[in-house]
Amino acid sequence: MKKKIFIGILVLAGMAFTTPSGLLVKIKGSDTLLPLAQKWAEVYMKKNTGSQITVTGGGSGVGIASLIDGTTDIATASRGMKMDEKLKLQDAGRGYKEITVAWDALAVIINPENHVKKLTREQLEGIFTGKFTNWNQVGGENMKIIVYSRESSSGTYEFFKEHILKGKNYASSCLLMPATGAIVQSVSQTKGAIGYIGMAYLNNTVQAVAVSLDGKTYVEPSLATAQNKTYPVIRPLHFYYLLKSEKTVKPFVDFVLSAEGQKIVQEVGYVPLTK
């Protein structure tokens, strides 16, 4: 009997040594995705004791660069991977995978004291390229326009330039900010300010304007208008990871794409993959 008990203890001890440890994953990149990725990580780690998921921002370009140099497991991005980034991975012999994890409405924000409540795409282009410098040029009062933008490493910067400015350069007077929160704070404190942010960053210190592509139908950003795609400035949000790391990151990616993970998307203020 004692021998059997001793053998049983050895078996259990062996199981303890062979049980895999919790998930260890580094996530880096998009400032837009930062609050959502942090929430996903928080919930996942509560459900999976021993897992350690670290999440940092810095911008989509920073995240993808970290993926290329091997210092992160998952790069988060609010834009697609650029050709030069793809070539760097190809030259290094590293296959990768792109996963769309959520959608985002890109809100154009102004100070609540500003009485301009709607703008066309052409007017936004004029404001951010420097053609318009006073709010009275777009239906507002006689007041200088102070333009805030994300810095060039940001996927949001790239998306806004491509889809709203139609590839034109930002005005030299545009104030480039390192993080979305800094844009919210600056616009909230400056009456003549304008900027753009992910919808999840909206709060009552700033005012989102309604946007029109045709000059007739103006739509404000919201979960409903982003889901039905009536709001004109929406975009997919991505995870990128190397194929060789798929086994490591897959449990977390599966959680993100699950019904529970997509419920978190909506709770945090983004647009889930399905309604």
C-alpha atoms as a PDB file:
ATOM      1  CA  MET A   1       0.000   0.000   0.000  1.00  0.00           C
ATOM      2  CA  LYS A   2       2.786   2.447   0.941  1.00  0.00           C
ATOM      3  CA  LYS A   3       4.562   1.633  -2.318  1.00  0.00           C
ATOM      4  CA  LYS A   4       1.440   2.469  -4.346  1.00  0.00           C
ATOM      5  CA  ILE A   5       0.966   5.747  -2.495  1.00  0.00           C
ATOM      6  CA  PHE A   6       4.608   6.668  -3.121  1.00  0.00           C
ATOM      7  CA  ILE A   7       4.286   5.874  -6.838  1.00  0.00           C
ATOM      8  CA  GLY A   8       1.118   7.977  -6.974  1.00  0.00           C
ATOM      9  CA  ILE A   9       2.943  10.941  -5.444  1.00  0.00           C
ATOM     10  CA  LEU A  10       5.701  10.604  -8.063  1.00  0.00           C
ATOM     11  CA  VAL A  11       3.125  10.586 -10.874  1.00  0.00           C
ATOM     12  CA  LEU A  12       1.469  13.714  -9.506  1.00  0.00           C
ATOM     13  CA  ALA A  13       4.843  15.387  -9.149  1.00  0.00           C
ATOM     14  CA  GLY A  14       5.637  14.498 -12.749  1.00  0.00           C
ATOM     15  CA  MET A  15       2.333  16.032 -13.839  1.00  0.00           C
ATOM     16  CA  ALA A  16       3.193  19.211 -11.948  1.00  0.00           C
ATOM     17  CA  PHE A  17       6.490  19.477 -13.789  1.00  0.00           C
ATOM     18  CA  THR A  18       5.007  18.793 -17.248  1.00  0.00           C
ATOM     19  CA  THR A  19       1.916  21.012 -16.964  1.00  0.00           C
ATOM     20  CA  PRO A  20       2.467  23.918 -19.385  1.00  0.00           C
ATOM     21  CA  SER A  21       2.892  27.344 -17.839  1.00  0.00           C
ATOM     22  CA  GLY A  22       0.492  30.197 -18.518  1.00  0.00           C
ATOM     23  CA  LEU A  23       0.547  32.189 -21.733  1.00  0.00           C
ATOM     24  CA  LEU A  24       3.375  34.728 -22.045  1.00  0.00           C
ATOM     25  CA  VAL A  25       2.640  37.248 -24.809  1.00  0.00           C
ATOM     26  CA  LYS A  26       3.910  40.737 -25.624  1.00  0.00           C
ATOM     27  CA  ILE A  27       1.592  43.078 -27.537  1.00  0.00           C
ATOM     28  CA  LYS A  28       2.704  46.426 -28.940  1.00  0.00           C
ATOM     29  CA  GLY A  29       1.506  49.036 -31.407  1.00  0.00           C
ATOM     30  CA  SER A  30      -1.637  51.004 -32.161  1.00  0.00           C
ATOM     31  CA  ASP A  31      -2.611  53.718 -29.709  1.00  0.00           C
ATOM     32  CA  THR A  32      -6.168  53.380 -30.998  1.00  0.00           C
ATOM     33  CA  LEU A  33      -6.286  49.720 -30.011  1.00  0.00           C
ATOM     34  CA  LEU A  34      -4.515  50.226 -26.685  1.00  0.00           C
ATOM     35  CA  PRO A  35      -7.581  50.466 -24.353  1.00  0.00           C
ATOM     36  CA  LEU A  36      -9.210  47.466 -26.030  1.00  0.00           C
ATOM     37  CA  ALA A  37      -6.088  45.297 -26.024  1.00  0.00           C
ATOM     38  CA  GLN A  38      -5.515  46.143 -22.357  1.00  0.00           C
ATOM     39  CA  LYS A  39      -9.059  45.082 -21.483  1.00  0.00           C
ATOM     40  CA  TRP A  40      -8.757  41.850 -23.456  1.00  0.00           C
ATOM     41  CA  ALA A  41      -5.493  41.084 -21.651  1.00  0.00           C
ATOM     42  CA  GLU A  42      -6.981  41.891 -18.251  1.00  0.00           C
ATOM     43  CA  VAL A  43      -9.977  39.600 -18.734  1.00  0.00           C
ATOM     44  CA  TYR A  44      -7.903  36.810 -20.263  1.00  0.00           C
ATOM     45  CA  MET A  45      -5.399  36.811 -17.396  1.00  0.00           C
ATOM     46  CA  LYS A  46      -8.210  36.671 -14.827  1.00  0.00           C
ATOM     47  CA  LYS A  47      -9.623  33.620 -16.584  1.00  0.00           C
ATOM     48  CA  ASN A  48      -6.227  31.991 -17.129  1.00  0.00           C
ATOM     49  CA  THR A  49      -4.146  32.182 -13.971  1.00  0.00           C
ATOM     50  CA  GLY A  50      -0.426  32.250 -14.631  1.00  0.00           C
ATOM     51  CA  SER A  51      -0.740  33.960 -17.996  1.00  0.00           C
ATOM     52  CA  GLN A  52       1.146  37.198 -18.508  1.00  0.00           C
ATOM     53  CA  ILE A  53       0.154  39.495 -21.364  1.00  0.00           C
ATOM     54  CA  THR A  54       1.862  42.874 -21.575  1.00  0.00           C
ATOM     55  CA  VAL A  55       0.321  45.605 -23.727  1.00  0.00           C
ATOM     56  CA  THR A  56       2.000  48.839 -24.803  1.00  0.00           C
ATOM     57  CA  GLY A  57       1.235  51.515 -27.407  1.00  0.00           C
ATOM     58  CA  GLY A  58       3.521  53.740 -29.451  1.00  0.00           C
ATOM     59  CA  GLY A  59       1.707  53.624 -32.777  1.00  0.00           C
ATOM     60  CA  SER A  60       1.001  51.062 -35.498  1.00  0.00           C
ATOM     61  CA  GLY A  61       4.393  51.650 -37.138  1.00  0.00           C
ATOM     62  CA  VAL A  62       6.187  51.076 -33.846  1.00  0.00           C
ATOM     63  CA  GLY A  63       4.294  47.829 -33.295  1.00  0.00           C
ATOM     64  CA  ILE A  64       5.044  46.472 -36.754  1.00  0.00           C
ATOM     65  CA  ALA A  65       8.713  47.475 -36.439  1.00  0.00           C
ATOM     66  CA  SER A  66       8.826  45.548 -33.147  1.00  0.00           C
ATOM     67  CA  LEU A  67       7.317  42.509 -34.878  1.00  0.00           C
ATOM     68  CA  ILE A  68       9.974  42.730 -37.590  1.00  0.00           C
ATOM     69  CA  ASP A  69      12.852  42.939 -35.095  1.00  0.00           C
ATOM     70  CA  GLY A  70      11.385  40.210 -32.897  1.00  0.00           C
ATOM     71  CA  THR A  71      10.661  42.232 -29.760  1.00  0.00           C
ATOM     72  CA  THR A  72       6.904  41.683 -29.717  1.00  0.00           C
ATOM     73  CA  ASP A  73       4.651  38.674 -30.312  1.00  0.00           C
ATOM     74  CA  ILE A  74       1.642  40.608 -31.611  1.00  0.00           C
ATOM     75  CA  ALA A  75       1.685  43.966 -33.393  1.00  0.00           C
ATOM     76  CA  THR A  76      -1.567  45.919 -33.164  1.00  0.00           C
ATOM     77  CA  ALA A  77      -2.356  48.251 -36.068  1.00  0.00           C
ATOM     78  CA  SER A  78      -5.111  50.595 -37.176  1.00  0.00           C
ATOM     79  CA  ARG A  79      -3.865  50.390 -40.774  1.00  0.00           C
ATOM     80  CA  GLY A  80      -2.744  47.716 -43.160  1.00  0.00           C
ATOM     81  CA  MET A  81       0.892  46.698 -43.334  1.00  0.00           C
ATOM     82  CA  LYS A  82       2.913  48.782 -45.812  1.00  0.00           C
ATOM     83  CA  MET A  83       4.801  47.240 -48.710  1.00  0.00           C
ATOM     84  CA  ASP A  84       8.227  48.076 -47.259  1.00  0.00           C
ATOM     85  CA  GLU A  85       7.215  46.388 -43.986  1.00  0.00           C
ATOM     86  CA  LYS A  86       6.061  43.293 -45.877  1.00  0.00           C
ATOM     87  CA  LEU A  87       9.344  43.205 -47.803  1.00  0.00           C
ATOM     88  CA  LYS A  88      11.390  43.389 -44.604  1.00  0.00           C
ATOM     89  CA  LEU A  89       9.533  40.365 -43.243  1.00  0.00           C
ATOM     90  CA  GLN A  90       9.893  38.584 -46.575  1.00  0.00           C
ATOM     91  CA  ASP A  91      13.620  39.283 -46.748  1.00  0.00           C
ATOM     92  CA  ALA A  92      13.986  37.909 -43.221  1.00  0.00           C
ATOM     93  CA  GLY A  93      12.096  34.771 -44.246  1.00  0.00           C
ATOM     94  CA  ARG A  94       9.329  35.449 -41.771  1.00  0.00           C
ATOM     95  CA  GLY A  95       5.787  34.601 -42.728  1.00  0.00           C
ATOM     96  CA  TYR A  96       3.077  36.539 -40.926  1.00  0.00           C
ATOM     97  CA  LYS A  97      -0.660  36.574 -40.419  1.00  0.00           C
ATOM     98  CA  GLU A  98      -3.102  39.489 -40.366  1.00  0.00           C
ATOM     99  CA  ILE A  99      -6.249  39.158 -38.242  1.00  0.00           C
ATOM    100  CA  THR A 100      -9.026  41.755 -38.158  1.00  0.00           C
ATOM    101  CA  VAL A 101     -10.095  41.911 -34.498  1.00  0.00           C
ATOM    102  CA  ALA A 102     -12.562  44.833 -34.448  1.00  0.00           C
ATOM    103  CA  TRP A 103     -13.717  47.954 -36.286  1.00  0.00           C
ATOM    104  CA  ASP A 104     -13.388  51.586 -35.290  1.00  0.00           C
ATOM    105  CA  ALA A 105     -15.135  54.811 -36.216  1.00  0.00           C
ATOM    106  CA  LEU A 106     -12.683  57.679 -36.530  1.00  0.00           C
ATOM    107  CA  ALA A 107     -14.280  60.719 -34.865  1.00  0.00           C
ATOM    108  CA  VAL A 108     -13.409  64.306 -35.787  1.00  0.00           C
ATOM    109  CA  ILE A 109     -13.529  66.365 -32.594  1.00  0.00           C
ATOM    110  CA  ILE A 110     -13.787  70.052 -31.743  1.00  0.00           C
ATOM    111  CA  ASN A 111     -14.043  72.068 -28.539  1.00  0.00           C
ATOM    112  CA  PRO A 112     -17.628  72.049 -27.147  1.00  0.00           C
ATOM    113  CA  GLU A 113     -17.691  75.884 -27.301  1.00  0.00           C
ATOM    114  CA  ASN A 114     -17.276  75.740 -31.069  1.00  0.00           C
ATOM    115  CA  HIS A 115     -20.661  76.067 -32.817  1.00  0.00           C
ATOM    116  CA  VAL A 116     -19.655  74.206 -35.996  1.00  0.00           C
ATOM    117  CA  LYS A 117     -21.417  70.857 -35.711  1.00  0.00           C
ATOM    118  CA  LYS A 118     -20.927  69.365 -39.187  1.00  0.00           C
ATOM    119  CA  LEU A 119     -18.214  69.305 -41.855  1.00  0.00           C
ATOM    120  CA  THR A 120     -17.805  67.791 -45.317  1.00  0.00           C
ATOM    121  CA  ARG A 121     -14.825  65.683 -46.298  1.00  0.00           C
ATOM    122  CA  GLU A 122     -13.657  68.547 -48.538  1.00  0.00           C
ATOM    123  CA  GLN A 123     -13.822  71.001 -45.637  1.00  0.00           C
ATOM    124  CA  LEU A 124     -11.843  68.608 -43.436  1.00  0.00           C
ATOM    125  CA  GLU A 125      -9.269  68.259 -46.187  1.00  0.00           C
ATOM    126  CA  GLY A 126      -9.032  72.043 -46.392  1.00  0.00           C
ATOM    127  CA  ILE A 127      -8.622  72.400 -42.635  1.00  0.00           C
ATOM    128  CA  PHE A 128      -5.950  69.732 -42.212  1.00  0.00           C
ATOM    129  CA  THR A 129      -3.951  70.725 -45.313  1.00  0.00           C
ATOM    130  CA  GLY A 130      -3.957  74.412 -44.333  1.00  0.00           C
ATOM    131  CA  LYS A 131      -6.274  75.743 -47.041  1.00  0.00           C
ATOM    132  CA  PHE A 132      -8.731  76.890 -44.371  1.00  0.00           C
ATOM    133  CA  THR A 133      -7.222  78.627 -41.347  1.00  0.00           C
ATOM    134  CA  ASN A 134     -10.251  80.373 -39.832  1.00  0.00           C
ATOM    135  CA  TRP A 135     -13.506  78.825 -38.681  1.00  0.00           C
ATOM    136  CA  ASN A 136     -15.489  81.474 -40.582  1.00  0.00           C
ATOM    137  CA  GLN A 137     -14.348  79.751 -43.794  1.00  0.00           C
ATOM    138  CA  VAL A 138     -16.391  76.663 -42.866  1.00  0.00           C
ATOM    139  CA  GLY A 139     -19.478  78.299 -41.379  1.00  0.00           C
ATOM    140  CA  GLY A 140     -18.147  79.157 -37.937  1.00  0.00           C
ATOM    141  CA  GLU A 141     -17.173  82.301 -36.095  1.00  0.00           C
ATOM    142  CA  ASN A 142     -14.107  84.461 -36.732  1.00  0.00           C
ATOM    143  CA  MET A 143     -11.582  82.304 -34.884  1.00  0.00           C
ATOM    144  CA  LYS A 144      -8.237  80.749 -35.820  1.00  0.00           C
ATOM    145  CA  ILE A 145      -8.284  77.002 -36.474  1.00  0.00           C
ATOM    146  CA  ILE A 146      -5.758  75.064 -34.369  1.00  0.00           C
ATOM    147  CA  VAL A 147      -5.149  71.676 -35.955  1.00  0.00           C
ATOM    148  CA  TYR A 148      -4.059  68.617 -33.964  1.00  0.00           C
ATOM    149  CA  SER A 149      -3.011  65.298 -35.493  1.00  0.00           C
ATOM    150  CA  ARG A 150      -1.351  62.070 -34.441  1.00  0.00           C
ATOM    151  CA  GLU A 151       2.324  61.756 -35.344  1.00  0.00           C
ATOM    152  CA  SER A 152       3.457  60.004 -38.511  1.00  0.00           C
ATOM    153  CA  SER A 153       4.157  56.620 -36.855  1.00  0.00           C
ATOM    154  CA  SER A 154       0.436  56.341 -36.103  1.00  0.00           C
ATOM    155  CA  GLY A 155      -1.848  54.204 -38.229  1.00  0.00           C
ATOM    156  CA  THR A 156      -4.600  56.730 -37.527  1.00  0.00           C
ATOM    157  CA  TYR A 157      -2.404  59.457 -39.081  1.00  0.00           C
ATOM    158  CA  GLU A 158      -1.981  57.301 -42.193  1.00  0.00           C
ATOM    159  CA  PHE A 159      -5.658  56.378 -42.443  1.00  0.00           C
ATOM    160  CA  PHE A 160      -6.853  59.965 -42.069  1.00  0.00           C
ATOM    161  CA  LYS A 161      -4.347  61.162 -44.669  1.00  0.00           C
ATOM    162  CA  GLU A 162      -5.410  58.515 -47.177  1.00  0.00           C
ATOM    163  CA  HIS A 163      -9.183  58.635 -46.730  1.00  0.00           C
ATOM    164  CA  ILE A 164      -9.890  62.241 -45.729  1.00  0.00           C
ATOM    165  CA  LEU A 165      -6.974  64.205 -47.197  1.00  0.00           C
ATOM    166  CA  LYS A 166      -6.873  61.954 -50.280  1.00  0.00           C
ATOM    167  CA  GLY A 167      -3.127  61.575 -49.924  1.00  0.00           C
ATOM    168  CA  LYS A 168      -2.360  65.280 -49.560  1.00  0.00           C
ATOM    169  CA  ASN A 169       0.152  66.387 -46.944  1.00  0.00           C
ATOM    170  CA  TYR A 170      -0.865  67.762 -43.574  1.00  0.00           C
ATOM    171  CA  ALA A 171      -0.328  71.502 -43.075  1.00  0.00           C
ATOM    172  CA  SER A 172       3.079  72.456 -41.689  1.00  0.00           C
ATOM    173  CA  SER A 173       1.236  74.217 -38.856  1.00  0.00           C
ATOM    174  CA  CYS A 174      -0.432  70.970 -37.791  1.00  0.00           C
ATOM    175  CA  LEU A 175       0.514  70.026 -34.228  1.00  0.00           C
ATOM    176  CA  LEU A 176       1.561  66.360 -34.088  1.00  0.00           C
ATOM    177  CA  MET A 177       0.733  64.588 -30.840  1.00  0.00           C
ATOM    178  CA  PRO A 178       2.322  61.367 -29.528  1.00  0.00           C
ATOM    179  CA  ALA A 179      -0.913  59.847 -28.210  1.00  0.00           C
ATOM    180  CA  THR A 180      -4.659  60.034 -28.732  1.00  0.00           C
ATOM    181  CA  GLY A 181      -5.257  61.141 -25.142  1.00  0.00           C
ATOM    182  CA  ALA A 182      -3.070  64.180 -25.771  1.00  0.00           C
ATOM    183  CA  ILE A 183      -5.306  65.210 -28.680  1.00  0.00           C
ATOM    184  CA  VAL A 184      -8.431  64.914 -26.533  1.00  0.00           C
ATOM    185  CA  GLN A 185      -6.850  67.012 -23.790  1.00  0.00           C
ATOM    186  CA  SER A 186      -5.577  69.681 -26.196  1.00  0.00           C
ATOM    187  CA  VAL A 187      -8.884  70.032 -28.055  1.00  0.00           C
ATOM    188  CA  SER A 188     -10.812  70.193 -24.786  1.00  0.00           C
ATOM    189  CA  GLN A 189      -8.661  73.114 -23.630  1.00  0.00           C
ATOM    190  CA  THR A 190      -8.548  75.123 -26.889  1.00  0.00           C
ATOM    191  CA  LYS A 191     -11.695  76.720 -28.302  1.00  0.00           C
ATOM    192  CA  GLY A 192     -10.470  76.836 -31.903  1.00  0.00           C
ATOM    193  CA  ALA A 193      -8.998  73.326 -31.931  1.00  0.00           C
ATOM    194  CA  ILE A 194      -9.843  70.347 -34.107  1.00  0.00           C
ATOM    195  CA  GLY A 195      -8.440  66.816 -34.156  1.00  0.00           C
ATOM    196  CA  TYR A 196      -9.344  63.213 -34.873  1.00  0.00           C
ATOM    197  CA  ILE A 197      -9.497  60.206 -32.536  1.00  0.00           C
ATOM    198  CA  GLY A 198     -10.790  56.667 -32.305  1.00  0.00           C
ATOM    199  CA  MET A 199     -14.430  56.648 -31.208  1.00  0.00           C
ATOM    200  CA  ALA A 200     -13.602  54.835 -27.959  1.00  0.00           C
ATOM    201  CA  TYR A 201     -11.691  57.916 -26.765  1.00  0.00           C
ATOM    202  CA  LEU A 202     -14.730  60.208 -27.016  1.00  0.00           C
ATOM    203  CA  ASN A 203     -15.829  61.857 -23.769  1.00  0.00           C
ATOM    204  CA  ASN A 204     -17.852  64.867 -22.667  1.00  0.00           C
ATOM    205  CA  THR A 205     -14.847  67.229 -22.772  1.00  0.00           C
ATOM    206  CA  VAL A 206     -14.926  67.281 -26.576  1.00  0.00           C
ATOM    207  CA  GLN A 207     -17.601  67.341 -29.294  1.00  0.00           C
ATOM    208  CA  ALA A 208     -17.714  64.982 -32.280  1.00  0.00           C
ATOM    209  CA  VAL A 209     -18.832  66.589 -35.535  1.00  0.00           C
ATOM    210  CA  ALA A 210     -21.106  65.014 -38.115  1.00  0.00           C
ATOM    211  CA  VAL A 211     -19.251  64.192 -41.344  1.00  0.00           C
ATOM    212  CA  SER A 212     -20.509  64.096 -44.936  1.00  0.00           C
ATOM    213  CA  LEU A 213     -18.921  62.727 -48.088  1.00  0.00           C
ATOM    214  CA  ASP A 214     -21.487  64.235 -50.460  1.00  0.00           C
ATOM    215  CA  GLY A 215     -22.313  67.514 -48.704  1.00  0.00           C
ATOM    216  CA  LYS A 216     -25.923  66.406 -48.190  1.00  0.00           C
ATOM    217  CA  THR A 217     -26.053  63.612 -45.620  1.00  0.00           C
ATOM    218  CA  TYR A 218     -24.205  64.270 -42.365  1.00  0.00           C
ATOM    219  CA  VAL A 219     -23.667  61.425 -39.897  1.00  0.00           C
ATOM    220  CA  GLU A 220     -22.227  61.443 -36.374  1.00  0.00           C
ATOM    221  CA  PRO A 221     -19.962  58.633 -35.170  1.00  0.00           C
ATOM    222  CA  SER A 222     -21.672  56.029 -32.991  1.00  0.00           C
ATOM    223  CA  LEU A 223     -21.785  52.278 -32.537  1.00  0.00           C
ATOM    224  CA  ALA A 224     -24.996  52.099 -34.596  1.00  0.00           C
ATOM    225  CA  THR A 225     -23.761  54.262 -37.497  1.00  0.00           C
ATOM    226  CA  ALA A 226     -20.430  52.436 -37.584  1.00  0.00           C
ATOM    227  CA  GLN A 227     -22.120  49.028 -37.626  1.00  0.00           C
ATOM    228  CA  ASN A 228     -24.523  49.930 -40.419  1.00  0.00           C
ATOM    229  CA  LYS A 229     -21.698  51.755 -42.215  1.00  0.00           C
ATOM    230  CA  THR A 230     -23.635  55.001 -42.624  1.00  0.00           C
ATOM    231  CA  TYR A 231     -20.817  56.840 -40.842  1.00  0.00           C
ATOM    232  CA  PRO A 232     -18.232  57.459 -43.583  1.00  0.00           C
ATOM    233  CA  VAL A 233     -14.991  57.142 -41.601  1.00  0.00           C
ATOM    234  CA  ILE A 234     -14.674  53.564 -40.325  1.00  0.00           C
ATOM    235  CA  ARG A 235     -11.725  51.208 -40.471  1.00  0.00           C
ATOM    236  CA  PRO A 236     -10.656  47.690 -39.467  1.00  0.00           C
ATOM    237  CA  LEU A 237      -8.249  47.144 -36.572  1.00  0.00           C
ATOM    238  CA  HIS A 238      -5.645  44.399 -36.891  1.00  0.00           C
ATOM    239  CA  PHE A 239      -3.403  41.969 -35.074  1.00  0.00           C
ATOM    240  CA  TYR A 240      -0.207  40.890 -36.855  1.00  0.00           C
ATOM    241  CA  TYR A 241       1.908  37.967 -35.718  1.00  0.00           C
ATOM    242  CA  LEU A 242       4.589  35.696 -37.167  1.00  0.00           C
ATOM    243  CA  LEU A 243       3.492  32.250 -38.311  1.00  0.00           C
ATOM    244  CA  LYS A 244       6.213  30.675 -36.164  1.00  0.00           C
ATOM    245  CA  SER A 245       4.538  32.250 -33.111  1.00  0.00           C
ATOM    246  CA  GLU A 246       1.028  31.086 -33.975  1.00  0.00           C
ATOM    247  CA  LYS A 247       0.949  28.280 -31.423  1.00  0.00           C
ATOM    248  CA  THR A 248       1.965  30.744 -28.695  1.00  0.00           C
ATOM    249  CA  VAL A 249      -0.517  33.518 -29.497  1.00  0.00           C
ATOM    250  CA  LYS A 250      -3.464  31.437 -30.745  1.00  0.00           C
ATOM    251  CA  PRO A 251      -5.190  30.936 -27.353  1.00  0.00           C
ATOM    252  CA  PHE A 252      -5.329  34.696 -26.847  1.00  0.00           C
ATOM    253  CA  VAL A 253      -6.334  35.413 -30.463  1.00  0.00           C
ATOM    254  CA  ASP A 254      -9.114  32.812 -30.215  1.00  0.00           C
ATOM    255  CA  PHE A 255     -10.365  34.546 -27.062  1.00  0.00           C
ATOM    256  CA  VAL A 256     -10.345  37.939 -28.802  1.00  0.00           C
ATOM    257  CA  LEU A 257     -12.402  36.552 -31.694  1.00  0.00           C
ATOM    258  CA  SER A 258     -14.818  34.652 -29.445  1.00  0.00           C
ATOM    259  CA  ALA A 259     -18.286  35.887 -28.483  1.00  0.00           C
ATOM    260  CA  GLU A 260     -16.894  36.965 -25.099  1.00  0.00           C
ATOM    261  CA  GLY A 261     -13.988  38.819 -26.685  1.00  0.00           C
ATOM    262  CA  GLN A 262     -16.260  40.600 -29.155  1.00  0.00           C
ATOM    263  CA  LYS A 263     -18.638  41.561 -26.360  1.00  0.00           C
ATOM    264  CA  ILE A 264     -15.704  43.357 -24.740  1.00  0.00           C
ATOM    265  CA  VAL A 265     -15.150  45.213 -28.049  1.00  0.00           C
ATOM    266  CA  GLN A 266     -18.574  46.812 -27.750  1.00  0.00           C
ATOM    267  CA  GLU A 267     -18.292  47.425 -24.010  1.00  0.00           C
ATOM    268  CA  VAL A 268     -15.047  49.362 -24.443  1.00  0.00           C
ATOM    269  CA  GLY A 269     -16.511  51.496 -27.245  1.00  0.00           C
ATOM    270  CA  TYR A 270     -15.393  49.876 -30.473  1.00  0.00           C
ATOM    271  CA  VAL A 271     -17.349  48.061 -33.177  1.00  0.00           C
ATOM    272  CA  PRO A 272     -17.446  44.245 -32.971  1.00  0.00           C
ATOM    273  CA  LEU A 273     -16.914  42.084 -36.028  1.00  0.00           C
ATOM    274  CA  THR A 274     -20.560  41.043 -35.909  1.00  0.00           C
ATOM    275  CA  LYS A 275     -23.625  42.765 -34.455  1.00  0.00           C
END
